[in-house]
Amino acid sequence: MSATTTTALPAGLTTGTWAIDASHTEAAFSVRHAGISKVRGTVAVTGGTITVGEDLASTSVTATLDPSTVSTGDANRDGHLKSGDFFDVEAFGEWSFTSTAIRAEGDAYVIAGDLTIHGETRPVELATEFNGVAVDPFGNTRAGFESSVTISRKEFGLTWNAALEAGGVLVSDKVTITLDVSAIKQA
């Protein structure tokens, strides 16, 4: 897909403030385990704002996540992830994302920004699809987005691992994060 030079907003997305609806937004992750399977989980998105300007260049995104809500379907693993070996939620109780630029690439968008996990901030680029705008049964105008990015957990200071007898390590360095976002237009 070749990059385009358009800075126009997606059709239907109007200027103003859109609050991320935490109850209808999900941050999920997957990481290879023991080199043979994947562990999947979620972390709650606790808030955020999409400030839509006249064009993409004047549009911005912020979001916060709560690592203490990590859920993989296994209480023991979740406890380990919350510990000092991984997320250290006592010391680093919030993750954040702040956009630095948004650009169109074909029919999709790239949201560049600073992601902070475990006290480490690194630049990332979220491949993003705009899913449209709809009015819900309660009169709220909603916009939907899907984004994904693959990060190196080592770049965020998440280095705990265990060697495997057959070679390799227990937890892959690469983590794929996917976001399904619903935002409500504010008055």
Protein backbone atom coordinates (compact mmCIF):
# COMPACT_ATOMS: atom_id res chain seq x y z
CA MET A 1 0.00 0.00 0.00
CA SER A 2 1.55 3.30 -0.99
CA ALA A 3 1.37 6.36 1.21
CA THR A 4 -0.93 9.17 0.16
CA THR A 5 -0.55 12.86 0.81
CA THR A 6 -4.14 13.47 1.88
CA THR A 7 -4.67 15.01 5.28
CA ALA A 8 -8.46 14.93 5.02
CA LEU A 9 -10.46 13.44 7.86
CA PRO A 10 -12.25 10.12 7.32
CA ALA A 11 -15.80 10.54 6.01
CA GLY A 12 -18.24 11.04 8.89
CA LEU A 13 -15.65 11.94 11.52
CA THR A 14 -16.43 15.50 12.61
CA THR A 15 -14.28 18.03 14.42
CA GLY A 16 -14.41 18.25 18.19
CA THR A 17 -13.67 16.10 21.20
CA TRP A 18 -14.45 12.38 21.25
CA ALA A 19 -14.11 10.59 24.60
CA ILE A 20 -12.91 7.00 24.49
CA ASP A 21 -15.68 4.82 25.94
CA ALA A 22 -13.77 2.46 28.25
CA SER A 23 -16.74 0.08 28.54
CA HIS A 24 -16.76 -0.48 24.77
CA THR A 25 -13.01 -0.38 24.14
CA GLU A 26 -10.54 -3.23 24.47
CA ALA A 27 -6.74 -3.48 24.46
CA ALA A 28 -5.63 -7.04 23.80
CA PHE A 29 -2.18 -8.58 23.47
CA SER A 30 -0.62 -11.82 22.33
CA VAL A 31 2.87 -13.17 22.93
CA ARG A 32 4.50 -16.44 21.90
CA HIS A 33 4.96 -18.83 24.86
CA ALA A 34 7.64 -21.55 24.88
CA GLY A 35 8.06 -20.96 21.15
CA ILE A 36 5.04 -23.13 20.33
CA SER A 37 1.83 -21.37 21.38
CA LYS A 38 0.49 -17.92 22.14
CA VAL A 39 -0.79 -16.43 25.36
CA ARG A 40 -3.51 -13.83 24.87
CA GLY A 41 -4.85 -11.32 27.31
CA THR A 42 -6.39 -7.91 27.86
CA VAL A 43 -5.59 -4.73 29.75
CA ALA A 44 -8.33 -2.18 30.51
CA VAL A 45 -8.32 1.12 28.66
CA THR A 46 -9.37 3.52 31.43
CA GLY A 47 -9.74 6.71 29.43
CA GLY A 48 -8.65 8.80 26.53
CA THR A 49 -9.57 11.48 24.09
CA ILE A 50 -9.55 11.87 20.35
CA THR A 51 -9.40 15.56 19.51
CA VAL A 52 -10.41 15.91 15.87
CA GLY A 53 -9.14 19.04 14.16
CA GLU A 54 -9.85 20.34 10.68
CA ASP A 55 -7.50 17.73 9.18
CA LEU A 56 -5.28 14.83 10.24
CA ALA A 57 -2.36 17.14 11.06
CA SER A 58 -4.45 18.92 13.70
CA THR A 59 -5.96 15.74 15.16
CA SER A 60 -4.58 14.00 18.26
CA VAL A 61 -5.15 10.93 20.42
CA THR A 62 -4.41 10.19 24.08
CA ALA A 63 -5.20 7.05 26.05
CA THR A 64 -4.49 5.56 29.47
CA LEU A 65 -4.46 1.88 30.45
CA ASP A 66 -4.41 0.12 33.83
CA PRO A 67 -1.92 -2.78 33.93
CA SER A 68 -3.38 -4.02 37.23
CA THR A 69 -6.38 -5.22 35.18
CA VAL A 70 -4.32 -7.65 33.08
CA SER A 71 -6.36 -10.77 32.38
CA THR A 72 -5.13 -13.87 30.56
CA GLY A 73 -7.64 -16.34 31.94
CA ASP A 74 -5.16 -17.74 34.47
CA ALA A 75 -5.00 -16.13 37.94
CA ASN A 76 -1.47 -17.38 38.66
CA ARG A 77 -0.11 -16.00 35.38
CA ASP A 78 -1.98 -12.71 35.91
CA GLY A 79 -0.40 -12.38 39.36
CA HIS A 80 3.05 -13.01 37.88
CA LEU A 81 2.46 -10.40 35.15
CA LYS A 82 1.46 -7.83 37.81
CA SER A 83 4.60 -8.56 39.87
CA GLY A 84 8.02 -6.95 39.72
CA ASP A 85 9.13 -9.61 37.21
CA PHE A 86 6.92 -8.02 34.57
CA PHE A 87 4.58 -5.00 34.87
CA ASP A 88 5.37 -4.05 38.50
CA VAL A 89 1.95 -2.45 38.88
CA GLU A 90 2.82 -1.12 42.35
CA ALA A 91 5.52 1.12 40.84
CA PHE A 92 4.07 1.61 37.35
CA GLY A 93 0.29 1.73 37.79
CA GLU A 94 -0.57 3.44 34.52
CA TRP A 95 0.39 3.07 30.88
CA SER A 96 -0.24 5.82 28.34
CA PHE A 97 -0.23 6.71 24.68
CA THR A 98 0.04 10.21 23.21
CA SER A 99 -0.02 10.71 19.46
CA THR A 100 2.61 12.80 17.72
CA ALA A 101 1.31 12.59 14.13
CA ILE A 102 -1.48 10.98 12.13
CA ARG A 103 -1.24 10.19 8.44
CA ALA A 104 -3.31 8.43 5.80
CA GLU A 105 -1.87 5.41 4.02
CA GLY A 106 -4.22 4.25 1.30
CA ASP A 107 -7.59 3.49 2.93
CA ALA A 108 -6.01 3.16 6.40
CA TYR A 109 -4.24 5.45 8.83
CA VAL A 110 -1.06 5.41 10.88
CA ILE A 111 -1.12 7.00 14.31
CA ALA A 112 2.44 7.70 15.43
CA GLY A 113 2.99 8.41 19.08
CA ASP A 114 4.72 7.79 22.37
CA LEU A 115 3.75 4.63 24.25
CA THR A 116 4.70 4.42 27.93
CA ILE A 117 4.76 0.99 29.58
CA HIS A 118 6.63 0.10 32.79
CA GLY A 119 8.01 3.64 33.03
CA GLU A 120 9.65 3.44 29.59
CA THR A 121 8.48 5.63 26.71
CA ARG A 122 9.10 4.57 23.13
CA PRO A 123 7.80 5.75 19.74
CA VAL A 124 5.33 3.42 18.04
CA GLU A 125 3.15 3.49 14.94
CA LEU A 126 -0.37 2.09 15.20
CA ALA A 127 -1.79 0.72 11.94
CA THR A 128 -5.39 1.94 12.20
CA GLU A 129 -8.67 1.35 10.43
CA PHE A 130 -11.59 3.75 10.78
CA ASN A 131 -14.80 1.71 11.11
CA GLY A 132 -17.23 4.59 10.71
CA VAL A 133 -19.66 6.64 12.75
CA ALA A 134 -23.06 5.61 14.09
CA VAL A 135 -25.68 6.93 16.50
CA ASP A 136 -26.44 4.43 19.26
CA PRO A 137 -29.93 3.82 20.76
CA PHE A 138 -29.17 6.37 23.50
CA GLY A 139 -28.47 9.21 21.07
CA ASN A 140 -24.67 9.08 21.37
CA THR A 141 -22.67 9.64 18.20
CA ARG A 142 -19.91 7.01 18.20
CA ALA A 143 -16.81 6.50 16.08
CA GLY A 144 -15.05 3.14 15.86
CA PHE A 145 -11.41 2.31 15.21
CA GLU A 146 -9.20 -0.79 15.15
CA SER A 147 -5.44 -0.50 15.63
CA SER A 148 -2.49 -2.81 15.98
CA VAL A 149 1.23 -2.62 16.69
CA THR A 150 3.99 -5.08 17.48
CA ILE A 151 6.48 -4.02 20.14
CA SER A 152 9.65 -5.39 21.71
CA ARG A 153 8.95 -5.93 25.41
CA LYS A 154 12.69 -5.52 26.14
CA GLU A 155 12.49 -1.92 24.88
CA PHE A 156 10.01 -1.29 27.72
CA GLY A 157 12.21 -2.85 30.40
CA LEU A 158 10.22 -6.11 30.45
CA THR A 159 13.13 -8.54 30.39
CA TRP A 160 12.11 -11.44 32.67
CA ASN A 161 12.46 -14.80 30.95
CA ALA A 162 13.42 -18.42 31.47
CA ALA A 163 15.60 -20.61 29.26
CA LEU A 164 14.02 -23.72 27.76
CA GLU A 165 15.76 -27.09 27.95
CA ALA A 166 15.50 -27.54 24.18
CA GLY A 167 16.81 -24.01 23.54
CA GLY A 168 15.09 -20.70 23.24
CA VAL A 169 13.16 -18.85 25.92
CA LEU A 170 9.80 -19.12 27.61
CA VAL A 171 8.42 -15.68 26.59
CA SER A 172 8.99 -14.10 23.19
CA ASP A 173 10.30 -10.56 22.95
CA LYS A 174 7.66 -9.63 20.35
CA VAL A 175 4.23 -8.66 21.66
CA THR A 176 1.33 -7.82 19.37
CA ILE A 177 -1.14 -5.28 20.75
CA THR A 178 -4.57 -4.80 19.19
CA LEU A 179 -7.08 -2.12 20.07
CA ASP A 180 -10.79 -1.97 19.38
CA VAL A 181 -11.88 1.58 20.23
CA SER A 182 -15.29 3.20 20.53
CA ALA A 183 -15.36 6.95 21.12
CA ILE A 184 -18.34 9.18 21.89
CA LYS A 185 -18.66 12.70 20.47
CA GLN A 186 -18.81 15.24 23.30
CA ALA A 187 -21.22 18.19 23.26
